[in-house]
Amino acid sequence: MGRSAESCRALAAAARRAIASARRNEADEQEYRRLVREFKRACQTGELDRLIALLDPQVTARADGGGHVRAALKPIRGAERTARYLIGASRRESRLTTSLMTLENAAHRPALVCRVDGAVVAVVTLHVAGSRITDVWIMLNPDKLAAWA
């Protein structure tokens, strides 16, 4: 790796501190659910300013289409760019319905499950720190959504 053992230990310690800090800042379950509901409402109604207010200024959105469906190829960074992307995606698919569900494999956190004509086409999960959404993950890959069928 080209690094000394001491350097590797220092990097590992810094990584552990960063992970612990992120976990300490996570929102409690009630606040998390409130933010997911507000996020859903803002995306569905196209309230750009409301959605931007929910997002951390440094938010990152990632989409996984698995090469099967159209998705952003690179992470989208920043509140305004992320909000515009999400609202645009919601508007492109007028038949899309979204329901709040709890995912057991998402650390018992709620996620947005998106359906078109009853079929699951996307699952959106969020990371919430404090009172802001810091990460948005959009799973569009049909192979990975097969478990929802």
N, C-alpha and C. Protein backbone atom coordinates (compact mmCIF):
# COMPACT_ATOMS: atom_id res chain seq x y z
N MET A 1 0.82 -1.19 0.00
CA MET A 1 0.00 0.00 0.00
C MET A 1 0.87 1.26 0.00
N GLY A 2 2.14 1.09 0.28
CA GLY A 2 3.01 2.25 0.25
C GLY A 2 2.91 3.13 1.48
N ARG A 3 2.37 2.61 2.57
CA ARG A 3 2.23 3.37 3.82
C ARG A 3 2.81 2.56 4.97
N SER A 4 3.29 3.28 5.95
CA SER A 4 3.84 2.60 7.12
C SER A 4 2.70 2.08 7.98
N ALA A 5 3.01 1.14 8.85
CA ALA A 5 2.00 0.59 9.76
C ALA A 5 1.44 1.70 10.65
N GLU A 6 2.29 2.61 11.09
CA GLU A 6 1.84 3.73 11.93
C GLU A 6 0.87 4.63 11.18
N SER A 7 1.16 4.90 9.91
CA SER A 7 0.28 5.72 9.10
C SER A 7 -1.08 5.03 8.90
N CYS A 8 -1.07 3.73 8.66
CA CYS A 8 -2.31 2.97 8.50
C CYS A 8 -3.14 2.98 9.78
N ARG A 9 -2.49 2.85 10.92
CA ARG A 9 -3.21 2.91 12.20
C ARG A 9 -3.85 4.28 12.40
N ALA A 10 -3.13 5.34 12.04
CA ALA A 10 -3.67 6.70 12.17
C ALA A 10 -4.87 6.90 11.26
N LEU A 11 -4.79 6.39 10.02
CA LEU A 11 -5.93 6.50 9.10
C LEU A 11 -7.14 5.72 9.61
N ALA A 12 -6.90 4.53 10.15
CA ALA A 12 -8.00 3.72 10.70
C ALA A 12 -8.65 4.42 11.88
N ALA A 13 -7.84 5.00 12.75
CA ALA A 13 -8.39 5.71 13.91
C ALA A 13 -9.23 6.91 13.46
N ALA A 14 -8.75 7.64 12.47
CA ALA A 14 -9.50 8.79 11.95
C ALA A 14 -10.82 8.34 11.34
N ALA A 15 -10.80 7.23 10.63
CA ALA A 15 -12.03 6.70 10.03
C ALA A 15 -13.03 6.28 11.10
N ARG A 16 -12.55 5.62 12.16
CA ARG A 16 -13.45 5.23 13.26
C ARG A 16 -14.06 6.45 13.93
N ARG A 17 -13.27 7.51 14.12
CA ARG A 17 -13.80 8.74 14.73
C ARG A 17 -14.86 9.38 13.83
N ALA A 18 -14.62 9.39 12.52
CA ALA A 18 -15.59 9.98 11.58
C ALA A 18 -16.90 9.21 11.59
N ILE A 19 -16.83 7.89 11.60
CA ILE A 19 -18.04 7.07 11.64
C ILE A 19 -18.79 7.27 12.94
N ALA A 20 -18.08 7.30 14.05
CA ALA A 20 -18.72 7.52 15.35
C ALA A 20 -19.38 8.89 15.41
N SER A 21 -18.73 9.90 14.85
CA SER A 21 -19.29 11.25 14.84
C SER A 21 -20.57 11.30 14.01
N ALA A 22 -20.57 10.65 12.86
CA ALA A 22 -21.77 10.62 12.00
C ALA A 22 -22.92 9.93 12.72
N ARG A 23 -22.63 8.85 13.44
CA ARG A 23 -23.69 8.14 14.16
C ARG A 23 -24.25 8.98 15.30
N ARG A 24 -23.41 9.74 15.98
CA ARG A 24 -23.88 10.60 17.08
C ARG A 24 -24.83 11.67 16.57
N ASN A 25 -24.64 12.12 15.33
CA ASN A 25 -25.45 13.19 14.77
C ASN A 25 -26.72 12.71 14.10
N GLU A 26 -26.94 11.39 14.03
CA GLU A 26 -28.14 10.89 13.37
C GLU A 26 -29.39 11.36 14.11
N ALA A 27 -30.41 11.62 13.34
CA ALA A 27 -31.69 12.06 13.91
C ALA A 27 -32.37 10.89 14.62
N ASP A 28 -33.19 11.23 15.62
CA ASP A 28 -33.96 10.17 16.27
C ASP A 28 -35.06 9.71 15.32
N GLU A 29 -35.70 8.59 15.66
CA GLU A 29 -36.65 7.97 14.73
C GLU A 29 -37.82 8.89 14.38
N GLN A 30 -38.33 9.62 15.35
CA GLN A 30 -39.47 10.50 15.09
C GLN A 30 -39.09 11.62 14.11
N GLU A 31 -37.92 12.23 14.32
CA GLU A 31 -37.45 13.29 13.43
C GLU A 31 -37.16 12.72 12.04
N TYR A 32 -36.60 11.53 12.00
CA TYR A 32 -36.29 10.87 10.73
C TYR A 32 -37.57 10.66 9.92
N ARG A 33 -38.60 10.11 10.56
CA ARG A 33 -39.87 9.88 9.87
C ARG A 33 -40.49 11.19 9.39
N ARG A 34 -40.42 12.22 10.21
CA ARG A 34 -40.96 13.53 9.82
C ARG A 34 -40.26 14.04 8.57
N LEU A 35 -38.94 13.94 8.55
CA LEU A 35 -38.19 14.41 7.39
C LEU A 35 -38.47 13.60 6.13
N VAL A 36 -38.64 12.29 6.29
CA VAL A 36 -38.98 11.46 5.12
C VAL A 36 -40.34 11.87 4.57
N ARG A 37 -41.32 12.11 5.45
CA ARG A 37 -42.65 12.54 4.99
C ARG A 37 -42.58 13.90 4.29
N GLU A 38 -41.82 14.83 4.86
CA GLU A 38 -41.66 16.16 4.25
C GLU A 38 -40.94 16.06 2.90
N PHE A 39 -39.93 15.19 2.84
CA PHE A 39 -39.19 14.96 1.61
C PHE A 39 -40.13 14.45 0.52
N LYS A 40 -40.94 13.47 0.88
CA LYS A 40 -41.91 12.89 -0.06
C LYS A 40 -42.88 13.96 -0.56
N ARG A 41 -43.42 14.74 0.36
CA ARG A 41 -44.39 15.77 -0.01
C ARG A 41 -43.75 16.81 -0.94
N ALA A 42 -42.54 17.25 -0.62
CA ALA A 42 -41.88 18.26 -1.44
C ALA A 42 -41.57 17.73 -2.84
N CYS A 43 -41.15 16.47 -2.93
CA CYS A 43 -40.87 15.87 -4.25
C CYS A 43 -42.15 15.76 -5.07
N GLN A 44 -43.24 15.31 -4.44
CA GLN A 44 -44.50 15.11 -5.16
C GLN A 44 -45.14 16.42 -5.60
N THR A 45 -45.03 17.45 -4.77
CA THR A 45 -45.68 18.72 -5.10
C THR A 45 -44.77 19.65 -5.89
N GLY A 46 -43.49 19.30 -6.00
CA GLY A 46 -42.56 20.13 -6.75
C GLY A 46 -42.15 21.39 -6.02
N GLU A 47 -42.23 21.39 -4.68
CA GLU A 47 -41.86 22.56 -3.89
C GLU A 47 -40.35 22.63 -3.75
N LEU A 48 -39.71 23.29 -4.71
CA LEU A 48 -38.25 23.34 -4.77
C LEU A 48 -37.66 23.96 -3.50
N ASP A 49 -38.17 25.11 -3.08
CA ASP A 49 -37.61 25.78 -1.90
C ASP A 49 -37.77 24.92 -0.64
N ARG A 50 -38.90 24.26 -0.51
CA ARG A 50 -39.13 23.39 0.65
C ARG A 50 -38.15 22.22 0.65
N LEU A 51 -37.94 21.62 -0.51
CA LEU A 51 -37.02 20.49 -0.61
C LEU A 51 -35.59 20.94 -0.31
N ILE A 52 -35.19 22.07 -0.85
CA ILE A 52 -33.85 22.60 -0.58
C ILE A 52 -33.66 22.81 0.92
N ALA A 53 -34.70 23.29 1.61
CA ALA A 53 -34.61 23.54 3.05
C ALA A 53 -34.42 22.24 3.84
N LEU A 54 -34.92 21.13 3.32
CA LEU A 54 -34.79 19.84 4.00
C LEU A 54 -33.40 19.22 3.82
N LEU A 55 -32.72 19.62 2.76
CA LEU A 55 -31.44 19.03 2.40
C LEU A 55 -30.27 19.80 3.02
N ASP A 56 -29.28 19.06 3.45
CA ASP A 56 -28.03 19.66 3.91
C ASP A 56 -27.38 20.35 2.71
N PRO A 57 -26.73 21.49 2.89
CA PRO A 57 -26.10 22.15 1.75
C PRO A 57 -25.09 21.26 1.02
N GLN A 58 -24.49 20.30 1.72
CA GLN A 58 -23.50 19.41 1.12
C GLN A 58 -24.08 18.03 0.79
N VAL A 59 -25.39 17.92 0.67
CA VAL A 59 -26.05 16.64 0.39
C VAL A 59 -25.48 16.00 -0.87
N THR A 60 -25.49 14.68 -0.88
CA THR A 60 -25.08 13.93 -2.07
C THR A 60 -26.19 12.93 -2.41
N ALA A 61 -26.60 12.92 -3.66
CA ALA A 61 -27.59 11.95 -4.13
C ALA A 61 -26.91 11.00 -5.10
N ARG A 62 -27.22 9.72 -4.94
CA ARG A 62 -26.65 8.69 -5.81
C ARG A 62 -27.79 7.82 -6.33
N ALA A 63 -27.71 7.47 -7.62
CA ALA A 63 -28.73 6.62 -8.23
C ALA A 63 -28.04 5.40 -8.83
N ASP A 64 -28.68 4.23 -8.68
CA ASP A 64 -28.14 2.99 -9.22
C ASP A 64 -29.17 2.39 -10.17
N GLY A 65 -28.91 2.53 -11.46
CA GLY A 65 -29.78 1.93 -12.47
C GLY A 65 -29.25 0.59 -12.95
N GLY A 66 -28.04 0.25 -12.55
CA GLY A 66 -27.45 -1.03 -12.91
C GLY A 66 -27.27 -1.23 -14.41
N GLY A 67 -27.31 -0.15 -15.17
CA GLY A 67 -27.18 -0.28 -16.62
C GLY A 67 -28.47 -0.74 -17.29
N HIS A 68 -29.52 -0.96 -16.50
CA HIS A 68 -30.80 -1.43 -17.04
C HIS A 68 -31.79 -0.29 -17.25
N VAL A 69 -31.73 0.71 -16.38
CA VAL A 69 -32.64 1.85 -16.47
C VAL A 69 -31.83 3.14 -16.39
N ARG A 70 -32.42 4.19 -16.87
CA ARG A 70 -31.76 5.49 -16.88
C ARG A 70 -31.59 6.01 -15.45
N ALA A 71 -30.36 6.42 -15.12
CA ALA A 71 -30.06 6.96 -13.79
C ALA A 71 -28.87 7.89 -13.92
N ALA A 72 -28.73 8.79 -12.97
CA ALA A 72 -27.57 9.69 -12.95
C ALA A 72 -26.31 8.84 -12.83
N LEU A 73 -25.34 9.09 -13.69
CA LEU A 73 -24.12 8.29 -13.69
C LEU A 73 -23.15 8.71 -12.59
N LYS A 74 -23.20 9.97 -12.23
CA LYS A 74 -22.30 10.49 -11.19
C LYS A 74 -23.12 11.00 -10.02
N PRO A 75 -22.54 11.01 -8.83
CA PRO A 75 -23.27 11.57 -7.68
C PRO A 75 -23.63 13.03 -7.93
N ILE A 76 -24.76 13.42 -7.41
CA ILE A 76 -25.23 14.80 -7.52
C ILE A 76 -24.97 15.45 -6.17
N ARG A 77 -24.27 16.56 -6.18
CA ARG A 77 -23.86 17.20 -4.93
C ARG A 77 -24.49 18.59 -4.80
N GLY A 78 -24.86 18.92 -3.58
CA GLY A 78 -25.42 20.23 -3.29
C GLY A 78 -26.93 20.19 -3.22
N ALA A 79 -27.49 21.02 -2.34
CA ALA A 79 -28.93 21.01 -2.10
C ALA A 79 -29.75 21.40 -3.32
N GLU A 80 -29.38 22.48 -3.98
CA GLU A 80 -30.20 22.93 -5.11
C GLU A 80 -30.14 21.95 -6.28
N ARG A 81 -28.96 21.46 -6.64
CA ARG A 81 -28.83 20.51 -7.74
C ARG A 81 -29.58 19.21 -7.43
N THR A 82 -29.46 18.75 -6.18
CA THR A 82 -30.15 17.52 -5.78
C THR A 82 -31.65 17.72 -5.84
N ALA A 83 -32.14 18.83 -5.30
CA ALA A 83 -33.58 19.10 -5.30
C ALA A 83 -34.13 19.17 -6.73
N ARG A 84 -33.43 19.85 -7.61
CA ARG A 84 -33.88 19.96 -9.00
C ARG A 84 -33.91 18.58 -9.67
N TYR A 85 -32.91 17.76 -9.40
CA TYR A 85 -32.87 16.40 -9.96
C TYR A 85 -34.06 15.58 -9.47
N LEU A 86 -34.32 15.62 -8.16
CA LEU A 86 -35.40 14.82 -7.58
C LEU A 86 -36.77 15.26 -8.09
N ILE A 87 -37.00 16.55 -8.14
CA ILE A 87 -38.29 17.05 -8.61
C ILE A 87 -38.46 16.75 -10.10
N GLY A 88 -37.40 16.89 -10.86
CA GLY A 88 -37.46 16.56 -12.28
C GLY A 88 -37.79 15.09 -12.50
N ALA A 89 -37.17 14.23 -11.70
CA ALA A 89 -37.44 12.79 -11.83
C ALA A 89 -38.89 12.48 -11.46
N SER A 90 -39.40 13.15 -10.44
CA SER A 90 -40.80 12.93 -10.04
C SER A 90 -41.77 13.39 -11.13
N ARG A 91 -41.44 14.47 -11.78
CA ARG A 91 -42.32 15.01 -12.83
C ARG A 91 -42.29 14.16 -14.09
N ARG A 92 -41.15 13.56 -14.40
CA ARG A 92 -41.03 12.76 -15.63
C ARG A 92 -41.94 11.55 -15.62
N GLU A 93 -42.20 10.99 -14.45
CA GLU A 93 -43.03 9.79 -14.36
C GLU A 93 -44.32 10.13 -13.65
N SER A 94 -45.33 10.54 -14.41
CA SER A 94 -46.59 11.00 -13.82
C SER A 94 -47.39 9.86 -13.18
N ARG A 95 -47.13 8.61 -13.56
CA ARG A 95 -47.87 7.48 -12.99
C ARG A 95 -47.27 7.00 -11.67
N LEU A 96 -46.20 7.62 -11.25
CA LEU A 96 -45.47 7.18 -10.07
C LEU A 96 -46.27 7.42 -8.79
N THR A 97 -46.38 6.39 -7.99
CA THR A 97 -46.96 6.55 -6.66
C THR A 97 -45.89 6.19 -5.65
N THR A 98 -45.89 6.86 -4.53
CA THR A 98 -44.86 6.66 -3.53
C THR A 98 -45.52 6.38 -2.19
N SER A 99 -45.04 5.35 -1.51
CA SER A 99 -45.60 5.06 -0.19
C SER A 99 -44.48 4.90 0.82
N LEU A 100 -44.74 5.30 2.03
CA LEU A 100 -43.76 5.21 3.10
C LEU A 100 -43.80 3.80 3.67
N MET A 101 -42.66 3.16 3.72
CA MET A 101 -42.58 1.80 4.24
C MET A 101 -41.34 1.67 5.10
N THR A 102 -41.35 0.73 6.02
CA THR A 102 -40.18 0.45 6.82
C THR A 102 -39.42 -0.71 6.20
N LEU A 103 -38.15 -0.51 6.01
CA LEU A 103 -37.32 -1.55 5.42
C LEU A 103 -36.51 -2.22 6.51
N GLU A 104 -36.63 -3.50 6.67
CA GLU A 104 -35.86 -4.22 7.68
C GLU A 104 -34.38 -4.17 7.37
N ASN A 105 -34.03 -4.19 6.09
CA ASN A 105 -32.63 -4.20 5.72
C ASN A 105 -32.03 -2.80 5.60
N ALA A 106 -32.77 -1.79 6.04
CA ALA A 106 -32.26 -0.41 6.03
C ALA A 106 -32.19 0.09 7.46
N ALA A 107 -31.70 -0.75 8.34
CA ALA A 107 -31.53 -0.40 9.76
C ALA A 107 -32.85 0.07 10.37
N HIS A 108 -33.95 -0.57 9.97
CA HIS A 108 -35.27 -0.27 10.50
C HIS A 108 -35.67 1.18 10.28
N ARG A 109 -35.18 1.78 9.22
CA ARG A 109 -35.53 3.14 8.88
C ARG A 109 -36.54 3.14 7.75
N PRO A 110 -37.43 4.14 7.72
CA PRO A 110 -38.39 4.21 6.63
C PRO A 110 -37.70 4.58 5.32
N ALA A 111 -38.26 4.12 4.25
CA ALA A 111 -37.76 4.45 2.92
C ALA A 111 -38.97 4.70 2.03
N LEU A 112 -38.75 5.36 0.92
CA LEU A 112 -39.82 5.60 -0.04
C LEU A 112 -39.76 4.52 -1.12
N VAL A 113 -40.84 3.80 -1.26
CA VAL A 113 -40.92 2.76 -2.27
C VAL A 113 -41.81 3.31 -3.39
N CYS A 114 -41.27 3.38 -4.59
CA CYS A 114 -41.98 3.98 -5.72
C CYS A 114 -42.50 2.89 -6.64
N ARG A 115 -43.76 3.01 -6.99
CA ARG A 115 -44.41 2.01 -7.83
C ARG A 115 -45.02 2.66 -9.07
N VAL A 116 -45.02 1.92 -10.15
CA VAL A 116 -45.74 2.30 -11.37
C VAL A 116 -46.63 1.12 -11.70
N ASP A 117 -47.92 1.36 -11.71
CA ASP A 117 -48.91 0.31 -11.97
C ASP A 117 -48.71 -0.90 -11.05
N GLY A 118 -48.37 -0.62 -9.80
CA GLY A 118 -48.22 -1.68 -8.80
C GLY A 118 -46.85 -2.32 -8.73
N ALA A 119 -46.00 -2.09 -9.72
CA ALA A 119 -44.66 -2.68 -9.73
C ALA A 119 -43.65 -1.71 -9.11
N VAL A 120 -42.78 -2.23 -8.25
CA VAL A 120 -41.76 -1.39 -7.61
C VAL A 120 -40.71 -1.03 -8.66
N VAL A 121 -40.50 0.28 -8.84
CA VAL A 121 -39.53 0.76 -9.81
C VAL A 121 -38.36 1.48 -9.15
N ALA A 122 -38.51 1.82 -7.87
CA ALA A 122 -37.42 2.51 -7.17
C ALA A 122 -37.65 2.42 -5.67
N VAL A 123 -36.53 2.41 -4.95
CA VAL A 123 -36.55 2.54 -3.49
C VAL A 123 -35.59 3.66 -3.15
N VAL A 124 -36.08 4.64 -2.40
CA VAL A 124 -35.27 5.79 -2.02
C VAL A 124 -35.03 5.74 -0.52
N THR A 125 -33.76 5.74 -0.15
CA THR A 125 -33.39 5.77 1.27
C THR A 125 -32.61 7.05 1.54
N LEU A 126 -32.71 7.51 2.76
CA LEU A 126 -32.10 8.77 3.15
C LEU A 126 -31.23 8.58 4.38
N HIS A 127 -30.22 9.41 4.51
CA HIS A 127 -29.47 9.51 5.76
C HIS A 127 -29.77 10.89 6.32
N VAL A 128 -30.16 10.93 7.58
CA VAL A 128 -30.53 12.17 8.23
C VAL A 128 -29.60 12.41 9.40
N ALA A 129 -28.99 13.58 9.42
CA ALA A 129 -28.15 13.99 10.55
C ALA A 129 -28.70 15.31 11.06
N GLY A 130 -28.96 15.35 12.36
CA GLY A 130 -29.58 16.54 12.93
C GLY A 130 -30.97 16.68 12.37
N SER A 131 -31.23 17.77 11.69
CA SER A 131 -32.54 17.98 11.10
C SER A 131 -32.44 18.19 9.59
N ARG A 132 -31.40 17.62 8.98
CA ARG A 132 -31.20 17.75 7.54
C ARG A 132 -30.89 16.40 6.90
N ILE A 133 -31.27 16.26 5.66
CA ILE A 133 -30.96 15.06 4.88
C ILE A 133 -29.57 15.25 4.28
N THR A 134 -28.67 14.32 4.59
CA THR A 134 -27.29 14.46 4.14
C THR A 134 -26.96 13.56 2.95
N ASP A 135 -27.72 12.48 2.76
CA ASP A 135 -27.48 11.57 1.65
C ASP A 135 -28.80 11.03 1.14
N VAL A 136 -28.89 10.87 -0.17
CA VAL A 136 -30.07 10.28 -0.82
C VAL A 136 -29.56 9.15 -1.71
N TRP A 137 -30.09 7.96 -1.51
CA TRP A 137 -29.73 6.81 -2.35
C TRP A 137 -30.99 6.37 -3.08
N ILE A 138 -30.90 6.28 -4.40
CA ILE A 138 -32.03 5.89 -5.23
C ILE A 138 -31.69 4.59 -5.93
N MET A 139 -32.37 3.53 -5.55
CA MET A 139 -32.15 2.22 -6.17
C MET A 139 -33.17 2.04 -7.29
N LEU A 140 -32.70 1.97 -8.51
CA LEU A 140 -33.54 1.78 -9.68
C LEU A 140 -33.25 0.47 -10.39
N ASN A 141 -32.17 -0.18 -10.02
CA ASN A 141 -31.72 -1.40 -10.67
C ASN A 141 -32.75 -2.51 -10.47
N PRO A 142 -33.39 -2.97 -11.56
CA PRO A 142 -34.43 -4.00 -11.42
C PRO A 142 -33.92 -5.29 -10.80
N ASP A 143 -32.66 -5.62 -11.02
CA ASP A 143 -32.10 -6.84 -10.42
C ASP A 143 -32.11 -6.75 -8.89
N LYS A 144 -31.80 -5.58 -8.38
CA LYS A 144 -31.75 -5.39 -6.93
C LYS A 144 -33.14 -5.16 -6.34
N LEU A 145 -34.09 -4.76 -7.18
CA LEU A 145 -35.46 -4.54 -6.70
C LEU A 145 -36.30 -5.82 -6.78
N ALA A 146 -35.75 -6.88 -7.29
CA ALA A 146 -36.49 -8.13 -7.47
C ALA A 146 -37.08 -8.64 -6.14
N ALA A 147 -36.42 -8.37 -5.03
CA ALA A 147 -36.91 -8.82 -3.73
C ALA A 147 -38.24 -8.16 -3.37
N TRP A 148 -38.57 -7.05 -3.99
CA TRP A 148 -39.80 -6.33 -3.69
C TRP A 148 -40.99 -6.88 -4.46
N ALA A 149 -40.74 -7.73 -5.43
CA ALA A 149 -41.82 -8.25 -6.29
C ALA A 149 -42.77 -9.13 -5.51
